[in-house]
Amino acid sequence: MPAIANYRGIIPAISCPFTPDHRIDEPALRKLASWLAGHDGVVAIMTNGHTGEVFSLTPTERAEVTRIVADELKGRCPVISSIVCEGLAEAAEHARLAKAAGAVALDVMPPHHWLRFGFTPGHALQYFDAIHKAAPDLDLVCHVYPAWTRASYSSQLLAELARLPYLQAFKVGQRDMNKYARDIQAIREADASKAILTCHDEYLLASMVQGVDGALVGFATFIPQLIIDLWNAVKAGDLKKAMEVQAVITPLKDAVYGGGEPTGEAHARMKGGMYLAGVIDDATVRPPTEAPNAQEVAALRAAVEQAGLLKR
């Protein structure tokens, strides 16, 4: 299958619907994928991100999620699958599984032991190389973690990664706007052809106006049209319109993210909002992630109603 030609636009990181007994709900996942792909401005769908509760999924289930979405969207919209692993051999295995399942690109998250122990630039380059060798005809997307973590990439390393011919896009989520600006500049100077996508779900407008190429965010699995409208206003240079759209998004953002960064419970609240908006029919999350409490559901209901999206 050919690689993705266009990463510039909105890429939802899809939520994974579950049945009440915590199995992957294939019909619901197909329905959600098809609905997202039907929005003009969505250029791809990403499976197995944090929003998709990837840490609750086995390797077989991760491949199954990608297979379901890729099969549903065949010929309509390309699918990226995240690689969330700890070592080179495991990452290579997951890459091969994702390719067999129908992914045409791989979003590479840092191994999570780096969060505890740190890493060297050589570790990162070896990791990307191992994934590329396992699936050489798939593009790679570099998933950039927050600046405050030990898995954060330096501007110099991002420039090195940008020079890799098989790495075509960056999912940037520094949560530090000074570093964010420096990193964008470093990537552009290394290879201006590489796409840069914000993944600052909670800082959408502020991060979009920094000269990026779109957004790869879990929030777009909930409110794709609002995020597309925001991006179109930013591209048009219409700040007034962009601020109006962001004003609708902000209460939803506050109800989902609680004024902080995305968390497992934020993804559960997002599912609650999606249920209220009629996007999904069951907001079940897998333990140990906890469903929103009554106060959080009330805040979600108020925000969804304010946005004119309330269906339940």
C-alpha atoms as a PDB file:
ATOM      1  CA  MET A   1       0.000   0.000   0.000  1.00  0.00           C
ATOM      2  CA  PRO A   2       1.439   3.457  -0.825  1.00  0.00           C
ATOM      3  CA  ALA A   3       2.599   5.784   1.911  1.00  0.00           C
ATOM      4  CA  ILE A   4       0.543   8.785   2.906  1.00  0.00           C
ATOM      5  CA  ALA A   5       1.022  11.663   0.475  1.00  0.00           C
ATOM      6  CA  ASN A   6      -0.384  14.376   2.716  1.00  0.00           C
ATOM      7  CA  TYR A   7       0.044  14.832   6.451  1.00  0.00           C
ATOM      8  CA  ARG A   8      -1.096  18.449   6.349  1.00  0.00           C
ATOM      9  CA  GLY A   9      -4.481  18.916   7.957  1.00  0.00           C
ATOM     10  CA  ILE A  10      -6.354  17.354  10.859  1.00  0.00           C
ATOM     11  CA  ILE A  11      -5.574  13.801  11.992  1.00  0.00           C
ATOM     12  CA  PRO A  12      -7.791  12.481  14.786  1.00  0.00           C
ATOM     13  CA  ALA A  13      -6.205  10.032  17.216  1.00  0.00           C
ATOM     14  CA  ILE A  14      -9.208   7.743  17.398  1.00  0.00           C
ATOM     15  CA  SER A  15     -10.826   6.596  20.625  1.00  0.00           C
ATOM     16  CA  CYS A  16     -11.458   2.854  20.977  1.00  0.00           C
ATOM     17  CA  PRO A  17     -15.069   1.985  21.868  1.00  0.00           C
ATOM     18  CA  PHE A  18     -15.498  -0.979  24.209  1.00  0.00           C
ATOM     19  CA  THR A  19     -18.471  -3.192  24.996  1.00  0.00           C
ATOM     20  CA  PRO A  20     -19.746  -3.158  28.611  1.00  0.00           C
ATOM     21  CA  ASP A  21     -17.566  -6.234  29.285  1.00  0.00           C
ATOM     22  CA  HIS A  22     -14.467  -4.399  27.963  1.00  0.00           C
ATOM     23  CA  ARG A  23     -14.074  -6.074  24.575  1.00  0.00           C
ATOM     24  CA  ILE A  24     -13.222  -4.028  21.469  1.00  0.00           C
ATOM     25  CA  ASP A  25     -16.566  -2.982  19.989  1.00  0.00           C
ATOM     26  CA  GLU A  26     -15.894  -3.545  16.281  1.00  0.00           C
ATOM     27  CA  PRO A  27     -19.181  -2.152  14.911  1.00  0.00           C
ATOM     28  CA  ALA A  28     -18.818   0.978  17.059  1.00  0.00           C
ATOM     29  CA  LEU A  29     -15.172   1.405  16.065  1.00  0.00           C
ATOM     30  CA  ARG A  30     -16.068   1.093  12.383  1.00  0.00           C
ATOM     31  CA  LYS A  31     -18.879   3.621  12.780  1.00  0.00           C
ATOM     32  CA  LEU A  32     -16.609   6.102  14.579  1.00  0.00           C
ATOM     33  CA  ALA A  33     -13.808   5.723  12.008  1.00  0.00           C
ATOM     34  CA  SER A  34     -16.192   6.216   9.095  1.00  0.00           C
ATOM     35  CA  TRP A  35     -17.756   9.273  10.742  1.00  0.00           C
ATOM     36  CA  LEU A  36     -14.368  10.878  11.350  1.00  0.00           C
ATOM     37  CA  ALA A  37     -13.133  10.172   7.818  1.00  0.00           C
ATOM     38  CA  GLY A  38     -16.269  11.796   6.410  1.00  0.00           C
ATOM     39  CA  HIS A  39     -15.163  15.246   7.574  1.00  0.00           C
ATOM     40  CA  ASP A  40     -13.570  17.453   4.911  1.00  0.00           C
ATOM     41  CA  GLY A  41     -10.193  18.381   6.368  1.00  0.00           C
ATOM     42  CA  VAL A  42      -9.423  15.035   8.024  1.00  0.00           C
ATOM     43  CA  VAL A  43      -6.415  13.697   6.099  1.00  0.00           C
ATOM     44  CA  ALA A  44      -5.738  10.496   8.097  1.00  0.00           C
ATOM     45  CA  ILE A  45      -6.799   8.594  11.217  1.00  0.00           C
ATOM     46  CA  MET A  46      -4.348   7.453  13.917  1.00  0.00           C
ATOM     47  CA  THR A  47      -4.991   4.312  15.943  1.00  0.00           C
ATOM     48  CA  ASN A  48      -3.452   3.181  19.241  1.00  0.00           C
ATOM     49  CA  GLY A  49      -2.675   6.597  20.657  1.00  0.00           C
ATOM     50  CA  HIS A  50      -3.161   7.521  24.292  1.00  0.00           C
ATOM     51  CA  THR A  51      -6.747   8.531  23.433  1.00  0.00           C
ATOM     52  CA  GLY A  52      -7.289   4.986  22.171  1.00  0.00           C
ATOM     53  CA  GLU A  53      -6.343   3.634  25.624  1.00  0.00           C
ATOM     54  CA  VAL A  54      -3.352   1.928  24.037  1.00  0.00           C
ATOM     55  CA  PHE A  55      -1.845   0.913  27.372  1.00  0.00           C
ATOM     56  CA  SER A  56      -4.907  -1.235  28.087  1.00  0.00           C
ATOM     57  CA  LEU A  57      -4.567  -3.103  24.777  1.00  0.00           C
ATOM     58  CA  THR A  58      -2.513  -6.223  24.156  1.00  0.00           C
ATOM     59  CA  PRO A  59      -0.250  -6.317  21.067  1.00  0.00           C
ATOM     60  CA  THR A  60      -2.834  -8.489  19.301  1.00  0.00           C
ATOM     61  CA  GLU A  61      -5.610  -6.052  20.188  1.00  0.00           C
ATOM     62  CA  ARG A  62      -3.589  -3.081  18.956  1.00  0.00           C
ATOM     63  CA  ALA A  63      -3.154  -4.779  15.593  1.00  0.00           C
ATOM     64  CA  GLU A  64      -6.868  -5.638  15.596  1.00  0.00           C
ATOM     65  CA  VAL A  65      -7.864  -1.995  16.180  1.00  0.00           C
ATOM     66  CA  THR A  66      -5.693  -0.963  13.232  1.00  0.00           C
ATOM     67  CA  ARG A  67      -7.078  -3.780  11.077  1.00  0.00           C
ATOM     68  CA  ILE A  68     -10.674  -2.771  11.787  1.00  0.00           C
ATOM     69  CA  VAL A  69     -10.096   0.915  11.072  1.00  0.00           C
ATOM     70  CA  ALA A  70      -7.945   0.293   7.985  1.00  0.00           C
ATOM     71  CA  ASP A  71     -10.497  -2.140   6.581  1.00  0.00           C
ATOM     72  CA  GLU A  72     -13.362   0.268   7.209  1.00  0.00           C
ATOM     73  CA  LEU A  73     -11.541   3.186   5.572  1.00  0.00           C
ATOM     74  CA  LYS A  74      -9.904   1.292   2.705  1.00  0.00           C
ATOM     75  CA  GLY A  75      -9.596   3.619  -0.280  1.00  0.00           C
ATOM     76  CA  ARG A  76     -11.069   6.535   1.693  1.00  0.00           C
ATOM     77  CA  CYS A  77      -8.564   7.604   4.339  1.00  0.00           C
ATOM     78  CA  PRO A  78      -5.088   6.354   5.341  1.00  0.00           C
ATOM     79  CA  VAL A  79      -4.406   4.944   8.793  1.00  0.00           C
ATOM     80  CA  ILE A  80      -1.413   5.609  11.037  1.00  0.00           C
ATOM     81  CA  SER A  81      -0.755   3.242  13.960  1.00  0.00           C
ATOM     82  CA  SER A  82       1.195   4.247  17.045  1.00  0.00           C
ATOM     83  CA  ILE A  83       4.124   2.139  18.196  1.00  0.00           C
ATOM     84  CA  VAL A  84       4.242   2.058  21.999  1.00  0.00           C
ATOM     85  CA  CYS A  85       7.011  -0.332  23.045  1.00  0.00           C
ATOM     86  CA  GLU A  86      10.046  -0.678  25.292  1.00  0.00           C
ATOM     87  CA  GLY A  87      12.770  -2.220  23.128  1.00  0.00           C
ATOM     88  CA  LEU A  88      14.027  -2.597  19.576  1.00  0.00           C
ATOM     89  CA  ALA A  89      12.825  -6.173  19.001  1.00  0.00           C
ATOM     90  CA  GLU A  90       9.373  -5.467  20.433  1.00  0.00           C
ATOM     91  CA  ALA A  91       9.033  -2.265  18.407  1.00  0.00           C
ATOM     92  CA  ALA A  92      10.016  -4.104  15.222  1.00  0.00           C
ATOM     93  CA  GLU A  93       7.404  -6.786  15.949  1.00  0.00           C
ATOM     94  CA  HIS A  94       4.693  -4.176  16.527  1.00  0.00           C
ATOM     95  CA  ALA A  95       5.699  -2.401  13.312  1.00  0.00           C
ATOM     96  CA  ARG A  96       5.296  -5.608  11.312  1.00  0.00           C
ATOM     97  CA  LEU A  97       1.920  -6.307  12.942  1.00  0.00           C
ATOM     98  CA  ALA A  98       0.701  -2.777  12.185  1.00  0.00           C
ATOM     99  CA  LYS A  99       1.818  -3.033   8.561  1.00  0.00           C
ATOM    100  CA  ALA A 100       0.047  -6.391   8.152  1.00  0.00           C
ATOM    101  CA  ALA A 101      -3.065  -4.824   9.699  1.00  0.00           C
ATOM    102  CA  GLY A 102      -3.143  -2.102   7.047  1.00  0.00           C
ATOM    103  CA  ALA A 103      -1.311   0.879   8.532  1.00  0.00           C
ATOM    104  CA  VAL A 104       0.528   3.032   6.005  1.00  0.00           C
ATOM    105  CA  ALA A 105       2.539   4.979   8.580  1.00  0.00           C
ATOM    106  CA  LEU A 106       3.720   4.533  12.161  1.00  0.00           C
ATOM    107  CA  ASP A 107       3.656   7.109  14.950  1.00  0.00           C
ATOM    108  CA  VAL A 108       6.710   6.377  17.088  1.00  0.00           C
ATOM    109  CA  MET A 109       6.303   7.172  20.787  1.00  0.00           C
ATOM    110  CA  PRO A 110       9.415   7.197  22.981  1.00  0.00           C
ATOM    111  CA  PRO A 111       9.925   3.986  24.978  1.00  0.00           C
ATOM    112  CA  HIS A 112       8.446   4.664  28.373  1.00  0.00           C
ATOM    113  CA  HIS A 113      11.480   3.508  30.332  1.00  0.00           C
ATOM    114  CA  TRP A 114      13.115   6.665  28.941  1.00  0.00           C
ATOM    115  CA  LEU A 115      10.709   8.611  31.150  1.00  0.00           C
ATOM    116  CA  ARG A 116      12.464   7.104  34.174  1.00  0.00           C
ATOM    117  CA  PHE A 117      16.037   6.593  33.009  1.00  0.00           C
ATOM    118  CA  GLY A 118      16.503   9.033  30.142  1.00  0.00           C
ATOM    119  CA  PHE A 119      18.181   8.203  26.842  1.00  0.00           C
ATOM    120  CA  THR A 120      20.959   9.265  24.487  1.00  0.00           C
ATOM    121  CA  PRO A 121      20.521  10.593  20.927  1.00  0.00           C
ATOM    122  CA  GLY A 122      21.982   7.291  19.757  1.00  0.00           C
ATOM    123  CA  HIS A 123      19.233   5.369  21.519  1.00  0.00           C
ATOM    124  CA  ALA A 124      16.580   7.384  19.675  1.00  0.00           C
ATOM    125  CA  LEU A 125      18.238   7.023  16.275  1.00  0.00           C
ATOM    126  CA  GLN A 126      18.622   3.241  16.769  1.00  0.00           C
ATOM    127  CA  TYR A 127      14.970   2.984  17.799  1.00  0.00           C
ATOM    128  CA  PHE A 128      13.689   4.754  14.683  1.00  0.00           C
ATOM    129  CA  ASP A 129      16.089   2.739  12.508  1.00  0.00           C
ATOM    130  CA  ALA A 130      14.891  -0.583  13.925  1.00  0.00           C
ATOM    131  CA  ILE A 131      11.252   0.321  13.257  1.00  0.00           C
ATOM    132  CA  HIS A 132      12.080   1.494   9.738  1.00  0.00           C
ATOM    133  CA  LYS A 133      13.941  -1.737   8.945  1.00  0.00           C
ATOM    134  CA  ALA A 134      10.971  -3.790  10.164  1.00  0.00           C
ATOM    135  CA  ALA A 135       8.540  -1.906   7.902  1.00  0.00           C
ATOM    136  CA  PRO A 136      10.714  -0.139   5.305  1.00  0.00           C
ATOM    137  CA  ASP A 137       7.886   1.034   3.040  1.00  0.00           C
ATOM    138  CA  LEU A 138       5.979   2.815   5.824  1.00  0.00           C
ATOM    139  CA  ASP A 139       6.514   6.456   6.725  1.00  0.00           C
ATOM    140  CA  LEU A 140       7.381   7.244  10.329  1.00  0.00           C
ATOM    141  CA  VAL A 141       5.943  10.041  12.463  1.00  0.00           C
ATOM    142  CA  CYS A 142       8.022  11.298  15.402  1.00  0.00           C
ATOM    143  CA  HIS A 143       5.902  11.695  18.549  1.00  0.00           C
ATOM    144  CA  VAL A 144       7.469  14.461  20.650  1.00  0.00           C
ATOM    145  CA  TYR A 145       6.854  14.256  24.405  1.00  0.00           C
ATOM    146  CA  PRO A 146       6.546  17.221  26.816  1.00  0.00           C
ATOM    147  CA  ALA A 147       9.692  19.191  27.567  1.00  0.00           C
ATOM    148  CA  TRP A 148       9.453  18.444  31.300  1.00  0.00           C
ATOM    149  CA  THR A 149       9.862  14.672  30.752  1.00  0.00           C
ATOM    150  CA  ARG A 150      13.123  12.738  30.487  1.00  0.00           C
ATOM    151  CA  ALA A 151      11.868  11.415  27.130  1.00  0.00           C
ATOM    152  CA  SER A 152      11.945  14.893  25.574  1.00  0.00           C
ATOM    153  CA  TYR A 153      13.984  15.343  22.386  1.00  0.00           C
ATOM    154  CA  SER A 154      16.442  18.219  22.079  1.00  0.00           C
ATOM    155  CA  SER A 155      16.134  20.641  19.162  1.00  0.00           C
ATOM    156  CA  GLN A 156      19.389  19.233  17.788  1.00  0.00           C
ATOM    157  CA  LEU A 157      18.073  15.667  17.889  1.00  0.00           C
ATOM    158  CA  LEU A 158      14.807  16.716  16.223  1.00  0.00           C
ATOM    159  CA  ALA A 159      16.866  18.229  13.418  1.00  0.00           C
ATOM    160  CA  GLU A 160      18.760  14.935  13.031  1.00  0.00           C
ATOM    161  CA  LEU A 161      15.482  13.037  12.924  1.00  0.00           C
ATOM    162  CA  ALA A 162      14.101  15.474  10.340  1.00  0.00           C
ATOM    163  CA  ARG A 163      16.953  14.530   8.025  1.00  0.00           C
ATOM    164  CA  LEU A 164      15.931  10.863   8.027  1.00  0.00           C
ATOM    165  CA  PRO A 165      14.337  10.256   4.604  1.00  0.00           C
ATOM    166  CA  TYR A 166      11.720   7.844   5.944  1.00  0.00           C
ATOM    167  CA  LEU A 167      10.521  10.162   8.724  1.00  0.00           C
ATOM    168  CA  GLN A 168       7.864  12.414   7.226  1.00  0.00           C
ATOM    169  CA  ALA A 169       6.079  14.169  10.097  1.00  0.00           C
ATOM    170  CA  PHE A 170       6.367  15.324  13.693  1.00  0.00           C
ATOM    171  CA  LYS A 171       3.596  15.129  16.300  1.00  0.00           C
ATOM    172  CA  VAL A 172       4.790  17.889  18.616  1.00  0.00           C
ATOM    173  CA  GLY A 173       3.570  18.296  22.191  1.00  0.00           C
ATOM    174  CA  GLN A 174       6.292  20.084  24.135  1.00  0.00           C
ATOM    175  CA  ARG A 175       3.902  21.966  26.494  1.00  0.00           C
ATOM    176  CA  ASP A 176       6.663  24.604  26.656  1.00  0.00           C
ATOM    177  CA  MET A 177       6.003  27.295  24.062  1.00  0.00           C
ATOM    178  CA  ASN A 178       9.585  28.571  24.035  1.00  0.00           C
ATOM    179  CA  LYS A 179      10.933  25.089  23.256  1.00  0.00           C
ATOM    180  CA  TYR A 180       8.038  24.502  20.867  1.00  0.00           C
ATOM    181  CA  ALA A 181       9.101  27.532  18.783  1.00  0.00           C
ATOM    182  CA  ARG A 182      12.775  26.536  18.850  1.00  0.00           C
ATOM    183  CA  ASP A 183      11.971  22.961  17.846  1.00  0.00           C
ATOM    184  CA  ILE A 184       9.781  24.045  14.938  1.00  0.00           C
ATOM    185  CA  GLN A 185      12.589  26.269  13.693  1.00  0.00           C
ATOM    186  CA  ALA A 186      15.143  23.442  14.022  1.00  0.00           C
ATOM    187  CA  ILE A 187      12.956  21.011  12.059  1.00  0.00           C
ATOM    188  CA  ARG A 188      12.209  23.568   9.339  1.00  0.00           C
ATOM    189  CA  GLU A 189      15.903  24.393   8.935  1.00  0.00           C
ATOM    190  CA  ALA A 190      16.841  20.696   8.756  1.00  0.00           C
ATOM    191  CA  ASP A 191      14.174  19.776   6.178  1.00  0.00           C
ATOM    192  CA  ALA A 192      11.334  22.155   5.402  1.00  0.00           C
ATOM    193  CA  SER A 193       9.401  19.397   3.608  1.00  0.00           C
ATOM    194  CA  LYS A 194       8.623  17.539   6.845  1.00  0.00           C
ATOM    195  CA  ALA A 195       5.128  18.107   8.260  1.00  0.00           C
ATOM    196  CA  ILE A 196       4.790  19.522  11.782  1.00  0.00           C
ATOM    197  CA  LEU A 197       1.525  18.789  13.596  1.00  0.00           C
ATOM    198  CA  THR A 198       0.537  20.143  16.980  1.00  0.00           C
ATOM    199  CA  CYS A 199      -0.691  17.622  19.524  1.00  0.00           C
ATOM    200  CA  HIS A 200      -1.479  20.274  22.143  1.00  0.00           C
ATOM    201  CA  ASP A 201      -5.134  19.328  22.595  1.00  0.00           C
ATOM    202  CA  GLU A 202      -5.450  21.841  25.431  1.00  0.00           C
ATOM    203  CA  TYR A 203      -3.561  24.641  23.584  1.00  0.00           C
ATOM    204  CA  LEU A 204      -5.058  24.374  20.124  1.00  0.00           C
ATOM    205  CA  LEU A 205      -5.233  27.965  18.917  1.00  0.00           C
ATOM    206  CA  ALA A 206      -2.017  29.036  20.643  1.00  0.00           C
ATOM    207  CA  SER A 207      -0.097  26.119  19.124  1.00  0.00           C
ATOM    208  CA  MET A 208      -1.685  26.344  15.658  1.00  0.00           C
ATOM    209  CA  VAL A 209      -0.525  29.929  15.064  1.00  0.00           C
ATOM    210  CA  GLN A 210       3.144  28.956  15.417  1.00  0.00           C
ATOM    211  CA  GLY A 211       3.503  28.013  11.752  1.00  0.00           C
ATOM    212  CA  VAL A 212       2.589  24.318  11.851  1.00  0.00           C
ATOM    213  CA  ASP A 213       0.876  22.166   9.228  1.00  0.00           C
ATOM    214  CA  GLY A 214      -2.138  20.923  11.164  1.00  0.00           C
ATOM    215  CA  ALA A 215      -3.008  18.942  14.267  1.00  0.00           C
ATOM    216  CA  LEU A 216      -2.762  15.296  15.290  1.00  0.00           C
ATOM    217  CA  VAL A 217      -4.907  15.230  18.417  1.00  0.00           C
ATOM    218  CA  GLY A 218      -7.180  12.922  20.331  1.00  0.00           C
ATOM    219  CA  PHE A 219      -9.557  15.823  20.877  1.00  0.00           C
ATOM    220  CA  ALA A 220     -10.456  15.553  17.175  1.00  0.00           C
ATOM    221  CA  THR A 221     -12.083  12.169  17.779  1.00  0.00           C
ATOM    222  CA  PHE A 222     -14.692  14.125  19.786  1.00  0.00           C
ATOM    223  CA  ILE A 223     -15.086  17.475  18.001  1.00  0.00           C
ATOM    224  CA  PRO A 224     -13.506  17.080  14.544  1.00  0.00           C
ATOM    225  CA  GLN A 225     -15.549  19.805  12.843  1.00  0.00           C
ATOM    226  CA  LEU A 226     -14.756  22.462  15.439  1.00  0.00           C
ATOM    227  CA  ILE A 227     -11.047  21.688  15.190  1.00  0.00           C
ATOM    228  CA  ILE A 228     -11.226  21.729  11.378  1.00  0.00           C
ATOM    229  CA  ASP A 229     -13.024  25.097  11.547  1.00  0.00           C
ATOM    230  CA  LEU A 230     -10.328  26.426  13.871  1.00  0.00           C
ATOM    231  CA  TRP A 231      -7.539  25.220  11.585  1.00  0.00           C
ATOM    232  CA  ASN A 232      -9.221  26.680   8.499  1.00  0.00           C
ATOM    233  CA  ALA A 233      -9.532  30.061  10.233  1.00  0.00           C
ATOM    234  CA  VAL A 234      -5.861  29.964  11.233  1.00  0.00           C
ATOM    235  CA  LYS A 235      -4.805  29.039   7.686  1.00  0.00           C
ATOM    236  CA  ALA A 236      -6.875  31.927   6.337  1.00  0.00           C
ATOM    237  CA  GLY A 237      -5.257  34.339   8.783  1.00  0.00           C
ATOM    238  CA  ASP A 238      -8.685  35.138  10.257  1.00  0.00           C
ATOM    239  CA  LEU A 239      -7.773  35.558  13.922  1.00  0.00           C
ATOM    240  CA  LYS A 240     -11.204  36.924  14.837  1.00  0.00           C
ATOM    241  CA  LYS A 241     -12.916  33.812  13.468  1.00  0.00           C
ATOM    242  CA  ALA A 242     -10.305  31.565  15.074  1.00  0.00           C
ATOM    243  CA  MET A 243     -10.901  33.165  18.461  1.00  0.00           C
ATOM    244  CA  GLU A 244     -14.657  32.697  18.057  1.00  0.00           C
ATOM    245  CA  VAL A 245     -14.213  28.983  17.328  1.00  0.00           C
ATOM    246  CA  GLN A 246     -11.742  28.601  20.194  1.00  0.00           C
ATOM    247  CA  ALA A 247     -14.291  30.216  22.506  1.00  0.00           C
ATOM    248  CA  VAL A 248     -16.658  27.329  21.714  1.00  0.00           C
ATOM    249  CA  ILE A 249     -13.891  24.763  22.143  1.00  0.00           C
ATOM    250  CA  THR A 250     -12.555  26.110  25.448  1.00  0.00           C
ATOM    251  CA  PRO A 251     -15.416  24.954  27.731  1.00  0.00           C
ATOM    252  CA  LEU A 252     -15.208  21.511  26.126  1.00  0.00           C
ATOM    253  CA  LYS A 253     -11.453  21.502  26.626  1.00  0.00           C
ATOM    254  CA  ASP A 254     -11.851  22.497  30.281  1.00  0.00           C
ATOM    255  CA  ALA A 255     -14.469  19.792  30.884  1.00  0.00           C
ATOM    256  CA  VAL A 256     -12.296  17.109  29.286  1.00  0.00           C
ATOM    257  CA  TYR A 257      -8.788  18.108  30.354  1.00  0.00           C
ATOM    258  CA  GLY A 258      -9.592  19.924  33.583  1.00  0.00           C
ATOM    259  CA  GLY A 259      -7.128  22.709  32.899  1.00  0.00           C
ATOM    260  CA  GLY A 260      -4.179  20.304  32.608  1.00  0.00           C
ATOM    261  CA  GLU A 261      -2.538  17.942  30.152  1.00  0.00           C
ATOM    262  CA  PRO A 262      -4.256  14.827  28.754  1.00  0.00           C
ATOM    263  CA  THR A 263      -4.495  11.884  31.176  1.00  0.00           C
ATOM    264  CA  GLY A 264      -6.246   8.525  31.202  1.00  0.00           C
ATOM    265  CA  GLU A 265      -9.140  10.043  33.108  1.00  0.00           C
ATOM    266  CA  ALA A 266      -9.277  12.899  30.572  1.00  0.00           C
ATOM    267  CA  HIS A 267      -9.724  10.305  27.846  1.00  0.00           C
ATOM    268  CA  ALA A 268     -12.537   8.783  29.911  1.00  0.00           C
ATOM    269  CA  ARG A 269     -14.156  12.205  30.217  1.00  0.00           C
ATOM    270  CA  MET A 270     -13.781  12.622  26.460  1.00  0.00           C
ATOM    271  CA  LYS A 271     -15.652   9.363  25.934  1.00  0.00           C
ATOM    272  CA  GLY A 272     -18.333  10.723  28.251  1.00  0.00           C
ATOM    273  CA  GLY A 273     -18.589  13.847  26.124  1.00  0.00           C
ATOM    274  CA  MET A 274     -18.689  11.774  22.949  1.00  0.00           C
ATOM    275  CA  TYR A 275     -21.577   9.779  24.412  1.00  0.00           C
ATOM    276  CA  LEU A 276     -23.498  12.961  25.295  1.00  0.00           C
ATOM    277  CA  ALA A 277     -22.900  14.283  21.765  1.00  0.00           C
ATOM    278  CA  GLY A 278     -24.128  11.048  20.190  1.00  0.00           C
ATOM    279  CA  VAL A 279     -20.724  10.227  18.692  1.00  0.00           C
ATOM    280  CA  ILE A 280     -20.550   6.863  20.494  1.00  0.00           C
ATOM    281  CA  ASP A 281     -23.259   4.836  22.207  1.00  0.00           C
ATOM    282  CA  ASP A 282     -21.194   3.443  25.105  1.00  0.00           C
ATOM    283  CA  ALA A 283     -18.581   5.372  27.107  1.00  0.00           C
ATOM    284  CA  THR A 284     -17.003   2.291  28.738  1.00  0.00           C
ATOM    285  CA  VAL A 285     -13.296   2.584  29.549  1.00  0.00           C
ATOM    286  CA  ARG A 286     -10.960  -0.208  30.591  1.00  0.00           C
ATOM    287  CA  PRO A 287      -9.749  -0.345  34.204  1.00  0.00           C
ATOM    288  CA  PRO A 288      -7.772   1.053  35.880  1.00  0.00           C
ATOM    289  CA  THR A 289      -8.934   4.164  34.002  1.00  0.00           C
ATOM    290  CA  GLU A 290     -11.929   5.551  35.873  1.00  0.00           C
ATOM    291  CA  ALA A 291     -15.160   6.808  34.343  1.00  0.00           C
ATOM    292  CA  PRO A 292     -16.106  10.434  35.101  1.00  0.00           C
ATOM    293  CA  ASN A 293     -18.006  11.111  38.318  1.00  0.00           C
ATOM    294  CA  ALA A 294     -21.372  12.861  38.505  1.00  0.00           C
ATOM    295  CA  GLN A 295     -19.811  16.321  38.850  1.00  0.00           C
ATOM    296  CA  GLU A 296     -17.600  15.756  35.828  1.00  0.00           C
ATOM    297  CA  VAL A 297     -20.521  14.441  33.770  1.00  0.00           C
ATOM    298  CA  ALA A 298     -22.519  17.562  34.663  1.00  0.00           C
ATOM    299  CA  ALA A 299     -19.637  19.772  33.495  1.00  0.00           C
ATOM    300  CA  LEU A 300     -19.385  17.778  30.281  1.00  0.00           C
ATOM    301  CA  ARG A 301     -23.123  18.059  29.692  1.00  0.00           C
ATOM    302  CA  ALA A 302     -23.026  21.841  30.165  1.00  0.00           C
ATOM    303  CA  ALA A 303     -20.065  22.216  27.791  1.00  0.00           C
ATOM    304  CA  VAL A 304     -21.552  19.945  25.121  1.00  0.00           C
ATOM    305  CA  GLU A 305     -24.867  21.793  25.337  1.00  0.00           C
ATOM    306  CA  GLN A 306     -23.104  25.180  25.130  1.00  0.00           C
ATOM    307  CA  ALA A 307     -21.412  23.989  21.926  1.00  0.00           C
ATOM    308  CA  GLY A 308     -24.785  22.994  20.459  1.00  0.00           C
ATOM    309  CA  LEU A 309     -23.792  19.324  20.304  1.00  0.00           C
ATOM    310  CA  LEU A 310     -25.930  17.769  23.037  1.00  0.00           C
ATOM    311  CA  LYS A 311     -27.867  14.691  21.838  1.00  0.00           C
ATOM    312  CA  ARG A 312     -28.501  12.888  25.128  1.00  0.00           C
END
